[in-house]
Amino acid sequence: MSLKERILIVEDDNGISHFISTVLTSNNYDALTARTGMEGRRMMLSQSPDLVLLDLGLPDMDGISIVKAVREWSRLPIVVVSARTHERDKVAALDMGADDYITKPFGPSELLARVRAAIRHGGNRSPHPDAAQTGKYQVGDLLIDYDKHQVLVAGVNARLTQNEYKIITLLGRYAGKVITYDYLLRAIWGPISGGGNQILRVNMANIRRKIEKNPAEPEYIFTEAGVGYRLREDP
């Protein structure tokens, strides 16, 4: 089964959130929901979505401030979904770094088209486009199948998220070599300011939980303290 893009919906209106989630899941996306700005920001770090659909009128903070804050550490695609129709609101959101702006109400077709475009454009942002690879890489029971976009452990799909897959395939491309934290952060999320290692640590913990028998004593991905990570080389 192909990897699903993970989309985070930050929306306090239950009806709209349910509608968007239903449209996305019925079109083979993995939909997550948050009702407040704080919850949404936490989930951006812990769940590593491939795209955020962000309402501006949240109960605890304005969505534009969230866009501004996220752009200080990530190039994660953000599509604003708002009832605000005034041109100044659209300009402010886009100037802060939003990738697109959808005005409520909207239909499923428009939503899906905007989602596809944002994910497609987001995928073109990596500073290392040559990291794409074909074929397979195997070490022990771990198999990276670049053609099928899957990572298998003893023949079982590890079900990595999009960003988790990007991390492990980049490590696989340089198996046996240490890839620095900064290189991984820039390759996956783009330019990041101080403190960006947190999102990488969260993703690595999730990867190890899915591929290692004992994450505390990894067999495949090793940490080079203060430097980066290294994927075990096939002898």
C-alpha atoms as a PDB file:
ATOM      1  CA  MET A   1       0.000   0.000   0.000  1.00  0.00           C
ATOM      2  CA  SER A   2       1.371   3.416  -0.929  1.00  0.00           C
ATOM      3  CA  LEU A   3       2.284   5.894   1.771  1.00  0.00           C
ATOM      4  CA  LYS A   4      -0.483   8.322   2.766  1.00  0.00           C
ATOM      5  CA  GLU A   5       0.194  12.023   3.101  1.00  0.00           C
ATOM      6  CA  ARG A   6      -0.595  13.184   6.638  1.00  0.00           C
ATOM      7  CA  ILE A   7      -2.641  16.381   6.884  1.00  0.00           C
ATOM      8  CA  LEU A   8      -3.233  18.329  10.085  1.00  0.00           C
ATOM      9  CA  ILE A   9      -6.521  20.262  10.311  1.00  0.00           C
ATOM     10  CA  VAL A  10      -6.359  23.130  12.837  1.00  0.00           C
ATOM     11  CA  GLU A  11      -9.994  24.192  13.126  1.00  0.00           C
ATOM     12  CA  ASP A  12     -12.224  24.898  16.152  1.00  0.00           C
ATOM     13  CA  ASP A  13     -15.551  24.459  14.312  1.00  0.00           C
ATOM     14  CA  ASN A  14     -16.472  20.792  14.720  1.00  0.00           C
ATOM     15  CA  GLY A  15     -18.709  20.744  11.660  1.00  0.00           C
ATOM     16  CA  ILE A  16     -16.078  22.162   9.314  1.00  0.00           C
ATOM     17  CA  SER A  17     -13.332  20.011  10.833  1.00  0.00           C
ATOM     18  CA  HIS A  18     -15.454  16.882  10.365  1.00  0.00           C
ATOM     19  CA  PHE A  19     -16.278  17.839   6.772  1.00  0.00           C
ATOM     20  CA  ILE A  20     -12.635  18.411   5.844  1.00  0.00           C
ATOM     21  CA  SER A  21     -11.514  15.233   7.610  1.00  0.00           C
ATOM     22  CA  THR A  22     -14.173  13.170   5.810  1.00  0.00           C
ATOM     23  CA  VAL A  23     -13.185  14.556   2.407  1.00  0.00           C
ATOM     24  CA  LEU A  24      -9.495  13.872   3.051  1.00  0.00           C
ATOM     25  CA  THR A  25      -9.853  10.345   4.452  1.00  0.00           C
ATOM     26  CA  SER A  26     -12.186   9.326   1.640  1.00  0.00           C
ATOM     27  CA  ASN A  27      -9.475  10.425  -0.800  1.00  0.00           C
ATOM     28  CA  ASN A  28      -6.709   8.390   0.835  1.00  0.00           C
ATOM     29  CA  TYR A  29      -5.169  11.048   3.057  1.00  0.00           C
ATOM     30  CA  ASP A  30      -4.358  10.572   6.738  1.00  0.00           C
ATOM     31  CA  ALA A  31      -6.266  13.354   8.545  1.00  0.00           C
ATOM     32  CA  LEU A  32      -5.427  14.664  12.028  1.00  0.00           C
ATOM     33  CA  THR A  33      -7.357  17.363  13.885  1.00  0.00           C
ATOM     34  CA  ALA A  34      -6.576  20.053  16.447  1.00  0.00           C
ATOM     35  CA  ARG A  35      -9.043  22.562  17.916  1.00  0.00           C
ATOM     36  CA  THR A  36      -6.657  25.240  19.210  1.00  0.00           C
ATOM     37  CA  GLY A  37      -3.523  26.943  18.014  1.00  0.00           C
ATOM     38  CA  MET A  38      -1.435  25.531  20.856  1.00  0.00           C
ATOM     39  CA  GLU A  39      -2.632  22.000  20.168  1.00  0.00           C
ATOM     40  CA  GLY A  40      -1.950  22.490  16.473  1.00  0.00           C
ATOM     41  CA  ARG A  41       1.612  23.681  17.094  1.00  0.00           C
ATOM     42  CA  ARG A  42       2.294  20.697  19.373  1.00  0.00           C
ATOM     43  CA  MET A  43       0.974  18.295  16.732  1.00  0.00           C
ATOM     44  CA  MET A  44       3.132  19.872  14.034  1.00  0.00           C
ATOM     45  CA  LEU A  45       6.138  18.744  16.068  1.00  0.00           C
ATOM     46  CA  SER A  46       4.880  15.404  17.351  1.00  0.00           C
ATOM     47  CA  GLN A  47       2.979  14.164  14.288  1.00  0.00           C
ATOM     48  CA  SER A  48       5.135  15.588  11.459  1.00  0.00           C
ATOM     49  CA  PRO A  49       2.307  16.343   9.007  1.00  0.00           C
ATOM     50  CA  ASP A  50       2.981  16.850   5.311  1.00  0.00           C
ATOM     51  CA  LEU A  51       0.499  19.748   5.154  1.00  0.00           C
ATOM     52  CA  VAL A  52      -1.435  21.966   7.579  1.00  0.00           C
ATOM     53  CA  LEU A  53      -4.937  23.304   6.894  1.00  0.00           C
ATOM     54  CA  LEU A  54      -5.160  26.283   9.251  1.00  0.00           C
ATOM     55  CA  ASP A  55      -8.151  28.350  10.359  1.00  0.00           C
ATOM     56  CA  LEU A  56      -7.332  31.950  11.289  1.00  0.00           C
ATOM     57  CA  GLY A  57     -10.031  32.501  13.914  1.00  0.00           C
ATOM     58  CA  LEU A  58      -8.897  30.084  16.613  1.00  0.00           C
ATOM     59  CA  PRO A  59     -10.028  30.472  20.243  1.00  0.00           C
ATOM     60  CA  ASP A  60      -6.561  30.941  21.752  1.00  0.00           C
ATOM     61  CA  MET A  61      -4.547  32.743  19.073  1.00  0.00           C
ATOM     62  CA  ASP A  62      -4.741  34.210  15.602  1.00  0.00           C
ATOM     63  CA  GLY A  63      -3.778  31.865  12.793  1.00  0.00           C
ATOM     64  CA  ILE A  64      -1.522  34.418  11.126  1.00  0.00           C
ATOM     65  CA  SER A  65       0.701  34.429  14.218  1.00  0.00           C
ATOM     66  CA  ILE A  66       0.966  30.647  13.886  1.00  0.00           C
ATOM     67  CA  VAL A  67       2.070  30.954  10.269  1.00  0.00           C
ATOM     68  CA  LYS A  68       4.717  33.481  11.286  1.00  0.00           C
ATOM     69  CA  ALA A  69       5.985  31.282  14.135  1.00  0.00           C
ATOM     70  CA  VAL A  70       6.153  28.119  12.020  1.00  0.00           C
ATOM     71  CA  ARG A  71       8.062  29.916   9.279  1.00  0.00           C
ATOM     72  CA  GLU A  72      10.833  30.625  11.788  1.00  0.00           C
ATOM     73  CA  TRP A  73      11.721  26.920  11.846  1.00  0.00           C
ATOM     74  CA  SER A  74      10.018  25.109   8.988  1.00  0.00           C
ATOM     75  CA  ARG A  75       8.877  25.264   5.377  1.00  0.00           C
ATOM     76  CA  LEU A  76       5.970  22.927   6.117  1.00  0.00           C
ATOM     77  CA  PRO A  77       3.189  23.661   3.581  1.00  0.00           C
ATOM     78  CA  ILE A  78       0.371  25.686   5.173  1.00  0.00           C
ATOM     79  CA  VAL A  79      -2.988  26.344   3.522  1.00  0.00           C
ATOM     80  CA  VAL A  80      -5.183  28.857   5.334  1.00  0.00           C
ATOM     81  CA  VAL A  81      -8.889  27.945   5.455  1.00  0.00           C
ATOM     82  CA  SER A  82     -10.834  30.978   6.672  1.00  0.00           C
ATOM     83  CA  ALA A  83     -14.160  32.796   6.602  1.00  0.00           C
ATOM     84  CA  ARG A  84     -12.255  36.088   6.350  1.00  0.00           C
ATOM     85  CA  THR A  85     -12.751  37.382   2.821  1.00  0.00           C
ATOM     86  CA  HIS A  86     -11.096  40.797   3.050  1.00  0.00           C
ATOM     87  CA  GLU A  87      -8.084  41.203   0.807  1.00  0.00           C
ATOM     88  CA  ARG A  88      -5.912  42.494   3.668  1.00  0.00           C
ATOM     89  CA  ASP A  89      -6.352  39.195   5.570  1.00  0.00           C
ATOM     90  CA  LYS A  90      -5.322  37.163   2.543  1.00  0.00           C
ATOM     91  CA  VAL A  91      -2.319  39.388   1.910  1.00  0.00           C
ATOM     92  CA  ALA A  92      -1.246  39.222   5.567  1.00  0.00           C
ATOM     93  CA  ALA A  93      -1.429  35.417   5.637  1.00  0.00           C
ATOM     94  CA  LEU A  94       0.455  35.014   2.370  1.00  0.00           C
ATOM     95  CA  ASP A  95       3.060  37.600   3.353  1.00  0.00           C
ATOM     96  CA  MET A  96       3.692  35.689   6.597  1.00  0.00           C
ATOM     97  CA  GLY A  97       4.423  32.547   4.567  1.00  0.00           C
ATOM     98  CA  ALA A  98       1.138  30.720   3.956  1.00  0.00           C
ATOM     99  CA  ASP A  99       1.214  28.742   0.720  1.00  0.00           C
ATOM    100  CA  ASP A 100      -2.450  29.243  -0.191  1.00  0.00           C
ATOM    101  CA  TYR A 101      -5.723  30.708   1.082  1.00  0.00           C
ATOM    102  CA  ILE A 102      -9.152  29.068   0.808  1.00  0.00           C
ATOM    103  CA  THR A 103     -12.232  31.124   1.635  1.00  0.00           C
ATOM    104  CA  LYS A 104     -15.165  29.438   3.389  1.00  0.00           C
ATOM    105  CA  PRO A 105     -17.487  28.053   2.179  1.00  0.00           C
ATOM    106  CA  PHE A 106     -15.770  25.739  -0.290  1.00  0.00           C
ATOM    107  CA  GLY A 107     -16.468  22.414  -1.961  1.00  0.00           C
ATOM    108  CA  PRO A 108     -14.571  19.099  -1.866  1.00  0.00           C
ATOM    109  CA  SER A 109     -13.120  19.530  -5.351  1.00  0.00           C
ATOM    110  CA  GLU A 110     -11.557  22.907  -4.577  1.00  0.00           C
ATOM    111  CA  LEU A 111     -10.202  21.653  -1.253  1.00  0.00           C
ATOM    112  CA  LEU A 112      -8.575  18.591  -2.823  1.00  0.00           C
ATOM    113  CA  ALA A 113      -7.098  20.622  -5.686  1.00  0.00           C
ATOM    114  CA  ARG A 114      -5.521  23.092  -3.245  1.00  0.00           C
ATOM    115  CA  VAL A 115      -4.204  20.248  -1.086  1.00  0.00           C
ATOM    116  CA  ARG A 116      -2.626  18.492  -4.069  1.00  0.00           C
ATOM    117  CA  ALA A 117      -1.007  21.710  -5.271  1.00  0.00           C
ATOM    118  CA  ALA A 118       0.395  22.604  -1.839  1.00  0.00           C
ATOM    119  CA  ILE A 119       1.856  19.133  -1.287  1.00  0.00           C
ATOM    120  CA  ARG A 120       3.301  19.099  -4.792  1.00  0.00           C
ATOM    121  CA  HIS A 121       4.925  22.506  -4.354  1.00  0.00           C
ATOM    122  CA  GLY A 122       6.146  21.566  -0.887  1.00  0.00           C
ATOM    123  CA  GLY A 123       7.860  18.498  -2.287  1.00  0.00           C
ATOM    124  CA  ASN A 124       9.828  20.687  -4.668  1.00  0.00           C
ATOM    125  CA  ARG A 125      11.406  22.706  -1.848  1.00  0.00           C
ATOM    126  CA  SER A 126      14.058  20.290  -0.705  1.00  0.00           C
ATOM    127  CA  PRO A 127      17.574  21.655  -1.260  1.00  0.00           C
ATOM    128  CA  HIS A 128      18.664  18.129  -2.145  1.00  0.00           C
ATOM    129  CA  PRO A 129      16.329  16.922  -4.924  1.00  0.00           C
ATOM    130  CA  ASP A 130      18.922  14.355  -6.012  1.00  0.00           C
ATOM    131  CA  ALA A 131      18.155  12.440  -2.808  1.00  0.00           C
ATOM    132  CA  ALA A 132      15.404  10.647  -4.741  1.00  0.00           C
ATOM    133  CA  GLN A 133      16.440   7.094  -5.477  1.00  0.00           C
ATOM    134  CA  THR A 134      15.176   3.947  -7.130  1.00  0.00           C
ATOM    135  CA  GLY A 135      15.662   0.268  -6.370  1.00  0.00           C
ATOM    136  CA  LYS A 136      16.044  -1.275  -2.925  1.00  0.00           C
ATOM    137  CA  TYR A 137      18.398  -1.143   0.019  1.00  0.00           C
ATOM    138  CA  GLN A 138      18.431  -3.963   2.555  1.00  0.00           C
ATOM    139  CA  VAL A 139      20.363  -4.552   5.743  1.00  0.00           C
ATOM    140  CA  GLY A 140      19.287  -7.360   8.050  1.00  0.00           C
ATOM    141  CA  ASP A 141      15.488  -7.472   8.148  1.00  0.00           C
ATOM    142  CA  LEU A 142      15.196  -3.807   7.151  1.00  0.00           C
ATOM    143  CA  LEU A 143      14.262  -3.165   3.513  1.00  0.00           C
ATOM    144  CA  ILE A 144      13.893   0.272   1.929  1.00  0.00           C
ATOM    145  CA  ASP A 145      11.896  -0.104  -1.282  1.00  0.00           C
ATOM    146  CA  TYR A 146      12.323   3.210  -3.103  1.00  0.00           C
ATOM    147  CA  ASP A 147      10.142   2.184  -6.032  1.00  0.00           C
ATOM    148  CA  LYS A 148       7.147   1.231  -3.879  1.00  0.00           C
ATOM    149  CA  HIS A 149       7.762   4.060  -1.402  1.00  0.00           C
ATOM    150  CA  GLN A 150       7.813   1.648   1.523  1.00  0.00           C
ATOM    151  CA  VAL A 151      10.007   0.544   4.406  1.00  0.00           C
ATOM    152  CA  LEU A 152       9.592  -3.087   5.466  1.00  0.00           C
ATOM    153  CA  VAL A 153      10.825  -4.894   8.565  1.00  0.00           C
ATOM    154  CA  ALA A 154      10.891  -8.680   8.177  1.00  0.00           C
ATOM    155  CA  GLY A 155       8.485  -8.280   5.268  1.00  0.00           C
ATOM    156  CA  VAL A 156       5.985  -6.123   7.210  1.00  0.00           C
ATOM    157  CA  ASN A 157       5.253  -2.525   6.207  1.00  0.00           C
ATOM    158  CA  ALA A 158       6.561  -0.221   8.956  1.00  0.00           C
ATOM    159  CA  ARG A 159       3.905   2.359   7.992  1.00  0.00           C
ATOM    160  CA  LEU A 160       6.143   5.385   8.294  1.00  0.00           C
ATOM    161  CA  THR A 161       4.778   8.882   7.828  1.00  0.00           C
ATOM    162  CA  GLN A 162       5.917  10.886   4.828  1.00  0.00           C
ATOM    163  CA  ASN A 163       8.637  12.733   6.760  1.00  0.00           C
ATOM    164  CA  GLU A 164       9.782   9.571   8.570  1.00  0.00           C
ATOM    165  CA  TYR A 165      10.136   7.904   5.173  1.00  0.00           C
ATOM    166  CA  LYS A 166      12.139  10.857   3.834  1.00  0.00           C
ATOM    167  CA  ILE A 167      14.533  10.654   6.785  1.00  0.00           C
ATOM    168  CA  ILE A 168      15.218   6.935   6.526  1.00  0.00           C
ATOM    169  CA  THR A 169      15.591   6.981   2.743  1.00  0.00           C
ATOM    170  CA  LEU A 170      18.086   9.828   2.981  1.00  0.00           C
ATOM    171  CA  LEU A 171      20.054   7.850   5.578  1.00  0.00           C
ATOM    172  CA  GLY A 172      19.822   4.815   3.296  1.00  0.00           C
ATOM    173  CA  ARG A 173      21.300   6.764   0.418  1.00  0.00           C
ATOM    174  CA  TYR A 174      24.402   7.368   2.529  1.00  0.00           C
ATOM    175  CA  ALA A 175      24.347   4.104   4.511  1.00  0.00           C
ATOM    176  CA  GLY A 176      27.391   3.748   6.718  1.00  0.00           C
ATOM    177  CA  LYS A 177      28.076   7.488   6.758  1.00  0.00           C
ATOM    178  CA  VAL A 178      27.082   9.967   9.457  1.00  0.00           C
ATOM    179  CA  ILE A 179      24.461  12.457   8.276  1.00  0.00           C
ATOM    180  CA  THR A 180      24.483  15.602  10.394  1.00  0.00           C
ATOM    181  CA  TYR A 181      21.418  16.938  12.168  1.00  0.00           C
ATOM    182  CA  ASP A 182      21.629  20.155  10.172  1.00  0.00           C
ATOM    183  CA  TYR A 183      21.798  18.327   6.831  1.00  0.00           C
ATOM    184  CA  LEU A 184      18.718  16.234   7.673  1.00  0.00           C
ATOM    185  CA  LEU A 185      16.761  19.234   8.926  1.00  0.00           C
ATOM    186  CA  ARG A 186      17.484  21.276   5.830  1.00  0.00           C
ATOM    187  CA  ALA A 187      16.822  18.386   3.452  1.00  0.00           C
ATOM    188  CA  ILE A 188      13.446  17.545   4.980  1.00  0.00           C
ATOM    189  CA  TRP A 189      12.111  20.831   6.386  1.00  0.00           C
ATOM    190  CA  GLY A 190      14.212  23.536   4.800  1.00  0.00           C
ATOM    191  CA  PRO A 191      16.081  26.339   6.636  1.00  0.00           C
ATOM    192  CA  ILE A 192      15.458  26.112  10.368  1.00  0.00           C
ATOM    193  CA  SER A 193      16.447  28.385  13.220  1.00  0.00           C
ATOM    194  CA  GLY A 194      17.728  27.360  16.650  1.00  0.00           C
ATOM    195  CA  GLY A 195      15.929  24.581  18.464  1.00  0.00           C
ATOM    196  CA  GLY A 196      14.956  22.757  15.283  1.00  0.00           C
ATOM    197  CA  ASN A 197      16.545  19.511  16.468  1.00  0.00           C
ATOM    198  CA  GLN A 198      13.432  18.775  18.515  1.00  0.00           C
ATOM    199  CA  ILE A 199      11.331  17.905  15.476  1.00  0.00           C
ATOM    200  CA  LEU A 200      14.096  15.624  14.213  1.00  0.00           C
ATOM    201  CA  ARG A 201      14.402  13.845  17.570  1.00  0.00           C
ATOM    202  CA  VAL A 202      10.654  13.263  17.692  1.00  0.00           C
ATOM    203  CA  ASN A 203      10.658  11.792  14.197  1.00  0.00           C
ATOM    204  CA  MET A 204      13.674   9.600  14.943  1.00  0.00           C
ATOM    205  CA  ALA A 205      12.040   8.252  18.100  1.00  0.00           C
ATOM    206  CA  ASN A 206       8.968   7.337  16.042  1.00  0.00           C
ATOM    207  CA  ILE A 207      11.088   5.677  13.345  1.00  0.00           C
ATOM    208  CA  ARG A 208      12.973   3.578  15.890  1.00  0.00           C
ATOM    209  CA  ARG A 209       9.752   2.549  17.583  1.00  0.00           C
ATOM    210  CA  LYS A 210       8.538   1.232  14.224  1.00  0.00           C
ATOM    211  CA  ILE A 211      11.691  -0.481  12.897  1.00  0.00           C
ATOM    212  CA  GLU A 212      13.772  -1.513  15.913  1.00  0.00           C
ATOM    213  CA  LYS A 213      13.126  -4.520  18.150  1.00  0.00           C
ATOM    214  CA  ASN A 214      14.455  -2.472  21.070  1.00  0.00           C
ATOM    215  CA  PRO A 215      14.583   1.279  20.324  1.00  0.00           C
ATOM    216  CA  ALA A 216      16.937   1.784  23.294  1.00  0.00           C
ATOM    217  CA  GLU A 217      19.478  -0.553  21.646  1.00  0.00           C
ATOM    218  CA  PRO A 218      19.069   0.127  17.925  1.00  0.00           C
ATOM    219  CA  GLU A 219      20.238  -2.328  15.276  1.00  0.00           C
ATOM    220  CA  TYR A 220      19.791  -0.074  12.268  1.00  0.00           C
ATOM    221  CA  ILE A 221      19.982   3.665  13.003  1.00  0.00           C
ATOM    222  CA  PHE A 222      22.753   4.818  15.307  1.00  0.00           C
ATOM    223  CA  THR A 223      23.197   8.202  16.984  1.00  0.00           C
ATOM    224  CA  GLU A 224      26.565   9.905  16.734  1.00  0.00           C
ATOM    225  CA  ALA A 225      26.245  12.165  19.777  1.00  0.00           C
ATOM    226  CA  GLY A 226      26.343  15.841  18.936  1.00  0.00           C
ATOM    227  CA  VAL A 227      26.750  15.136  15.211  1.00  0.00           C
ATOM    228  CA  GLY A 228      23.924  13.204  13.586  1.00  0.00           C
ATOM    229  CA  TYR A 229      22.653   9.757  12.624  1.00  0.00           C
ATOM    230  CA  ARG A 230      24.043   6.802  10.690  1.00  0.00           C
ATOM    231  CA  LEU A 231      22.194   3.913   9.056  1.00  0.00           C
ATOM    232  CA  ARG A 232      23.870   0.532   9.389  1.00  0.00           C
ATOM    233  CA  GLU A 233      25.786  -0.433   6.264  1.00  0.00           C
ATOM    234  CA  ASP A 234      25.175  -3.740   4.510  1.00  0.00           C
ATOM    235  CA  PRO A 235      28.435  -5.664   4.925  1.00  0.00           C
END
